[in-house]
Amino acid sequence: MDNQNQGQEVGKIVDIRKQVEAHKGEMIEITSQFGRKRENRHKVKLIEAYATHFVIENIPARGPRTTESYQYADILTSTILIHF
């Protein structure tokens, strides 16, 4: 990868981070793919946004609360989708 493409990807990650930080503390929807045709869509609370990753809290109707963290690169590579 040349430096120009790497710089463009870093710029996109910075933009993604700003968008995520703007919704800190809010309920959002996350869609994550677990296979070719399987995907999981659930509402979560965006707890914290750091320089390289963000933390969400999943509050299911039944069962314990769980926290997960994702990198901004996961959004860039479409590993997960965020719906504000």
Protein backbone atom coordinates (compact mmCIF):
# COMPACT_ATOMS: atom_id res chain seq x y z
CA MET A 1 0.00 0.00 0.00
CA ASP A 2 1.41 3.36 -0.90
CA ASN A 3 1.48 6.35 1.43
CA GLN A 4 -1.34 8.20 -0.36
CA ASN A 5 -3.85 5.34 0.08
CA GLN A 6 -2.75 4.86 3.69
CA GLY A 7 -3.31 8.56 4.36
CA GLN A 8 -6.79 8.40 2.85
CA GLU A 9 -7.73 5.46 5.08
CA VAL A 10 -6.45 7.25 8.17
CA GLY A 11 -8.52 10.28 7.21
CA LYS A 12 -11.63 8.11 6.86
CA ILE A 13 -11.01 6.54 10.26
CA VAL A 14 -10.73 10.00 11.82
CA ASP A 15 -14.08 10.95 10.25
CA ILE A 16 -15.66 7.72 11.52
CA ARG A 17 -14.31 8.38 15.02
CA LYS A 18 -15.83 11.89 15.04
CA GLN A 19 -19.22 10.52 13.98
CA VAL A 20 -19.12 7.84 16.68
CA GLU A 21 -18.01 10.31 19.37
CA ALA A 22 -20.97 12.57 18.49
CA HIS A 23 -23.35 9.79 19.58
CA LYS A 24 -21.64 8.84 22.84
CA GLY A 25 -24.17 7.90 25.53
CA GLU A 26 -26.95 7.24 23.00
CA MET A 27 -28.73 4.06 21.96
CA ILE A 28 -27.60 2.92 18.50
CA GLU A 29 -28.09 -0.16 16.34
CA ILE A 30 -25.20 -2.37 15.30
CA THR A 31 -25.30 -4.97 12.56
CA SER A 32 -22.51 -7.52 12.63
CA GLN A 33 -21.98 -10.28 10.10
CA PHE A 34 -21.21 -13.77 11.35
CA GLY A 35 -21.10 -15.62 8.07
CA ARG A 36 -22.09 -15.52 4.45
CA LYS A 37 -25.78 -14.88 5.02
CA ARG A 38 -26.04 -14.52 8.79
CA GLU A 39 -26.12 -11.17 10.47
CA ASN A 40 -26.98 -9.99 13.96
CA ARG A 41 -28.68 -6.62 14.47
CA HIS A 42 -29.21 -5.31 17.98
CA LYS A 43 -29.67 -2.09 19.92
CA VAL A 44 -26.80 -1.13 22.18
CA LYS A 45 -25.65 1.85 24.21
CA LEU A 46 -22.47 3.58 23.08
CA ILE A 47 -20.54 3.94 26.33
CA GLU A 48 -17.15 5.35 25.40
CA ALA A 49 -15.10 6.36 22.37
CA TYR A 50 -11.31 6.18 22.48
CA ALA A 51 -8.64 7.05 19.92
CA THR A 52 -8.55 3.57 18.33
CA HIS A 53 -11.75 1.86 19.44
CA PHE A 54 -15.17 2.34 21.03
CA VAL A 55 -17.07 0.43 23.71
CA ILE A 56 -20.73 -0.56 23.62
CA GLU A 57 -23.04 -2.09 26.21
CA ASN A 58 -25.56 -4.67 25.07
CA ILE A 59 -28.69 -4.69 27.23
CA PRO A 60 -30.71 -7.77 26.23
CA ALA A 61 -34.30 -8.36 27.30
CA ARG A 62 -33.11 -11.47 29.12
CA GLY A 63 -29.71 -12.32 30.45
CA PRO A 64 -26.77 -10.30 31.69
CA ARG A 65 -25.49 -7.08 30.22
CA THR A 66 -22.37 -7.44 28.14
CA THR A 67 -19.78 -4.96 26.94
CA GLU A 68 -17.93 -5.23 23.67
CA SER A 69 -15.35 -3.10 21.94
CA TYR A 70 -14.84 -2.52 18.24
CA GLN A 71 -12.19 -0.73 16.27
CA TYR A 72 -13.07 2.07 13.86
CA ALA A 73 -11.41 -0.03 11.16
CA ASP A 74 -14.25 -2.57 11.64
CA ILE A 75 -16.65 0.08 10.33
CA LEU A 76 -14.30 1.02 7.49
CA THR A 77 -14.03 -2.62 6.37
CA SER A 78 -17.80 -3.21 6.83
CA THR A 79 -17.24 -5.91 9.45
CA ILE A 80 -19.94 -4.06 11.41
CA LEU A 81 -22.47 -1.43 10.42
CA ILE A 82 -23.68 1.32 12.75
CA HIS A 83 -27.12 2.88 12.49
CA PHE A 84 -27.43 6.12 14.48
